[in-house]
Protein backbone atom coordinates (compact mmCIF):
# COMPACT_ATOMS: atom_id res chain seq x y z
CA MET A 1 -9.64 -3.39 -20.04
CA ASP A 2 -11.18 -6.68 -18.93
CA ALA A 3 -10.38 -8.23 -15.55
CA LEU A 4 -7.92 -10.85 -16.84
CA ASP A 5 -5.97 -8.28 -18.87
CA LEU A 6 -5.85 -6.07 -15.81
CA VAL A 7 -4.45 -8.82 -13.59
CA VAL A 8 -1.89 -10.31 -15.97
CA ASN A 9 -0.60 -6.97 -17.26
CA ARG A 10 -0.48 -4.95 -14.03
CA ARG A 11 2.66 -2.93 -13.41
CA SER A 12 3.36 -0.50 -10.61
CA ALA A 13 3.86 3.16 -11.43
CA SER A 14 6.28 5.09 -9.24
CA ARG A 15 5.86 8.50 -10.90
CA LEU A 16 2.44 9.72 -9.89
CA SER A 17 0.77 13.12 -10.06
CA GLU A 18 -2.62 14.76 -9.55
CA PRO A 19 -5.36 13.91 -9.67
CA ALA A 20 -5.62 11.32 -6.95
CA PRO A 21 -8.65 9.07 -6.74
CA ALA A 22 -11.61 10.83 -5.11
CA GLY A 23 -15.34 10.40 -4.67
CA ALA A 24 -16.76 7.22 -6.20
CA ALA A 25 -13.32 6.16 -7.51
CA LEU A 26 -11.81 6.26 -4.01
CA GLU A 27 -14.87 4.53 -2.57
CA ASN A 28 -14.43 1.72 -5.15
CA ILE A 29 -10.78 1.37 -4.17
CA LEU A 30 -11.61 1.08 -0.47
CA ARG A 31 -14.48 -1.35 -1.16
CA ALA A 32 -12.13 -3.52 -3.22
CA GLY A 33 -9.72 -3.66 -0.30
CA MET A 34 -12.53 -4.74 2.00
CA ARG A 35 -13.28 -7.68 -0.31
CA ALA A 36 -9.88 -9.29 0.29
CA PRO A 37 -9.92 -12.95 1.35
CA ASP A 38 -10.85 -12.91 5.02
CA HIS A 39 -10.95 -16.22 6.88
CA GLY A 40 -13.24 -15.86 9.88
CA ALA A 41 -14.72 -12.57 8.65
CA LEU A 42 -12.29 -10.72 10.95
CA GLN A 43 -11.75 -7.77 8.60
CA PRO A 44 -8.11 -7.59 9.76
CA TRP A 45 -7.22 -4.34 8.08
CA ARG A 46 -7.35 -0.64 8.69
CA PHE A 47 -6.90 1.96 5.94
CA ILE A 48 -5.50 5.40 6.76
CA ILE A 49 -5.73 7.88 3.89
CA ILE A 50 -2.95 10.46 3.63
CA GLU A 51 -3.56 13.34 1.23
CA LYS A 52 -3.36 17.13 1.03
CA GLU A 53 -2.11 18.50 4.40
CA GLY A 54 -1.79 14.93 5.65
CA ARG A 55 1.24 14.52 3.40
CA ASP A 56 2.88 17.42 5.27
CA ARG A 57 2.11 15.73 8.61
CA PHE A 58 3.43 12.41 7.29
CA SER A 59 6.59 14.17 6.07
CA THR A 60 7.14 15.63 9.55
CA LEU A 61 6.51 12.22 11.12
CA LEU A 62 9.09 10.53 8.88
CA GLU A 63 11.59 13.34 9.51
CA THR A 64 11.10 12.88 13.26
CA ALA A 65 11.62 9.13 12.95
CA ALA A 66 14.76 9.62 10.82
CA ARG A 67 16.21 12.13 13.27
CA HIS A 68 15.39 9.81 16.18
CA ASP A 69 17.46 7.14 14.45
CA ARG A 70 20.28 9.66 13.88
CA MET A 71 20.20 9.20 10.12
CA ASP A 72 22.41 11.36 7.95
CA ASP A 73 21.10 14.51 6.26
CA LYS A 74 20.55 12.75 2.93
CA ALA A 75 18.40 10.04 4.56
CA ILE A 76 16.45 12.65 6.52
CA GLU A 77 15.72 14.61 3.34
CA LYS A 78 14.63 11.42 1.55
CA ALA A 79 12.27 10.62 4.43
CA GLN A 80 10.83 14.14 4.32
CA GLN A 81 10.24 13.99 0.56
CA SER A 82 8.78 10.48 0.30
CA PRO A 83 5.15 11.51 1.04
CA PHE A 84 5.24 13.79 -1.99
CA ARG A 85 5.84 10.98 -4.50
CA ALA A 86 2.08 10.74 -5.03
CA PRO A 87 -0.97 12.85 -4.26
CA MET A 88 -2.43 10.12 -2.04
CA ILE A 89 -1.07 7.39 0.20
CA ILE A 90 -3.16 4.71 1.85
CA THR A 91 -1.45 3.17 4.86
CA VAL A 92 -2.66 -0.38 5.37
CA VAL A 93 -2.44 -1.81 8.86
CA ALA A 94 -3.03 -5.49 9.59
CA HIS A 95 -5.30 -5.17 12.62
CA CYS A 96 -4.69 -8.61 14.09
CA GLU A 97 -6.72 -10.34 16.78
CA ALA A 98 -6.06 -13.56 18.67
CA HIS A 99 -8.24 -16.21 17.05
CA PRO A 100 -8.29 -20.00 17.50
CA LYS A 101 -8.61 -20.72 13.76
CA VAL A 102 -7.04 -17.69 12.06
CA PRO A 103 -3.38 -17.18 12.93
CA ARG A 104 -1.75 -13.75 12.91
CA TRP A 105 0.22 -14.49 9.74
CA GLU A 106 -3.02 -15.22 7.88
CA GLN A 107 -4.52 -11.93 9.02
CA MET A 108 -1.40 -10.13 7.78
CA VAL A 109 -1.68 -11.85 4.39
CA SER A 110 -5.33 -10.80 4.22
CA ALA A 111 -4.29 -7.16 4.75
CA GLY A 112 -1.68 -7.62 2.02
CA CYS A 113 -4.38 -8.92 -0.31
CA ALA A 114 -6.36 -5.77 0.48
CA VAL A 115 -3.44 -3.66 -0.77
CA MET A 116 -3.31 -5.61 -4.03
CA ALA A 117 -7.08 -5.36 -4.50
CA MET A 118 -6.97 -1.60 -3.95
CA GLN A 119 -4.13 -1.15 -6.42
CA MET A 120 -6.05 -3.18 -9.02
CA ALA A 121 -9.20 -1.13 -8.43
CA ALA A 122 -7.18 2.06 -8.90
CA LEU A 123 -5.73 0.75 -12.15
CA ALA A 124 -9.16 -0.30 -13.42
CA GLN A 125 -10.31 3.31 -13.01
CA GLY A 126 -7.36 4.94 -14.80
CA PHE A 127 -5.17 5.57 -11.78
CA ASN A 128 -2.11 3.64 -10.69
CA GLY A 129 0.19 3.28 -7.77
CA ILE A 130 3.01 1.52 -6.08
CA TRP A 131 3.06 -0.50 -2.88
CA ARG A 132 5.97 0.58 -0.70
CA SER A 133 7.19 -0.87 2.56
CA GLY A 134 10.66 -0.46 4.05
CA ILE A 135 11.92 0.64 7.43
CA TRP A 136 8.99 2.93 8.21
CA THR A 137 6.53 0.03 8.43
CA GLU A 138 8.23 -1.20 11.60
CA HIS A 139 9.49 2.06 13.07
CA PRO A 140 8.06 2.63 16.59
CA THR A 141 7.37 6.33 15.94
CA VAL A 142 5.44 5.57 12.75
CA ARG A 143 3.59 2.63 14.31
CA GLN A 144 2.51 4.82 17.23
CA ALA A 145 1.27 7.57 14.89
CA PHE A 146 -0.95 5.01 13.14
CA ASN A 147 -2.25 3.62 16.46
CA CYS A 148 -0.71 0.20 15.95
CA ARG A 149 -1.02 -2.17 18.82
CA GLU A 150 1.76 -4.68 19.55
CA GLN A 151 0.03 -7.40 17.49
CA ASP A 152 -0.63 -5.10 14.51
CA ALA A 153 1.61 -4.60 11.48
CA ILE A 154 1.84 -1.91 8.84
CA VAL A 155 1.87 -4.03 5.69
CA GLY A 156 2.60 -1.12 3.41
CA PHE A 157 1.95 2.30 2.01
CA LEU A 158 -0.04 2.34 -1.22
CA TYR A 159 0.96 5.45 -3.17
CA LEU A 160 -1.82 6.40 -5.60
CA GLY A 161 -2.30 8.96 -8.34
CA THR A 162 -2.30 9.48 -12.07
CA PRO A 163 0.68 7.83 -13.79
CA GLN A 164 3.10 10.30 -15.38
CA LEU A 165 4.55 7.63 -17.64
CA LYS A 166 2.81 4.87 -19.56
CA THR A 167 3.65 1.53 -17.97
CA SER A 168 4.58 -1.51 -20.00
CA THR A 169 1.80 -4.01 -20.62
CA THR A 170 3.96 -6.73 -22.12
CA VAL A 171 2.73 -10.15 -21.05
CA LEU A 172 5.53 -12.40 -19.91
CA PRO A 173 5.48 -15.83 -21.58
CA ALA A 174 5.23 -18.80 -19.22
CA GLU A 175 8.80 -19.92 -20.00
CA THR A 176 10.14 -16.73 -18.38
CA ALA A 177 8.53 -17.71 -15.09
CA PRO A 178 10.93 -20.26 -13.52
CA PHE A 179 9.14 -19.83 -10.19
CA VAL A 180 6.27 -22.02 -11.40
CA SER A 181 6.39 -25.77 -10.90
CA TYR A 182 3.90 -28.61 -10.60
CA PHE A 183 3.58 -31.14 -7.83
């Protein structure tokens, strides 16, 4: 698949199984994330890989956070099970620094670009994933576990693995994109 086909036909895959990226494939994914647009060469991202026993620890962390918030049993179970949706999760933290020319929002966008680049690199190597966010990105218990400082933000959890289902590669014609206009 060439680069343009990859970009215009990308679709997330939510049903993921073993194997997860490893070795050179994982290294390519991480290197792609580190090539995200980065005004000021701040490298405003941190990648935390969750796999194997780490998924059990992440499950316990999310259960603890759900119980802290007094969620119902169904929500607690969902929190416990979410780390097992894929064999690997990469937590991406926008590691933001005060800078006279690069505002915090721009550093957060850079970290978001890193997530997209990593998902594209996974797809290019035969893997796939889905970028998830939600309440856990801002939960104090989760933020503390990932060593987030006050100015940092978890921009998402990139679930990675081998897609269980073939994703659609239908290209949308321009007329179905009403969000495009010219100035």
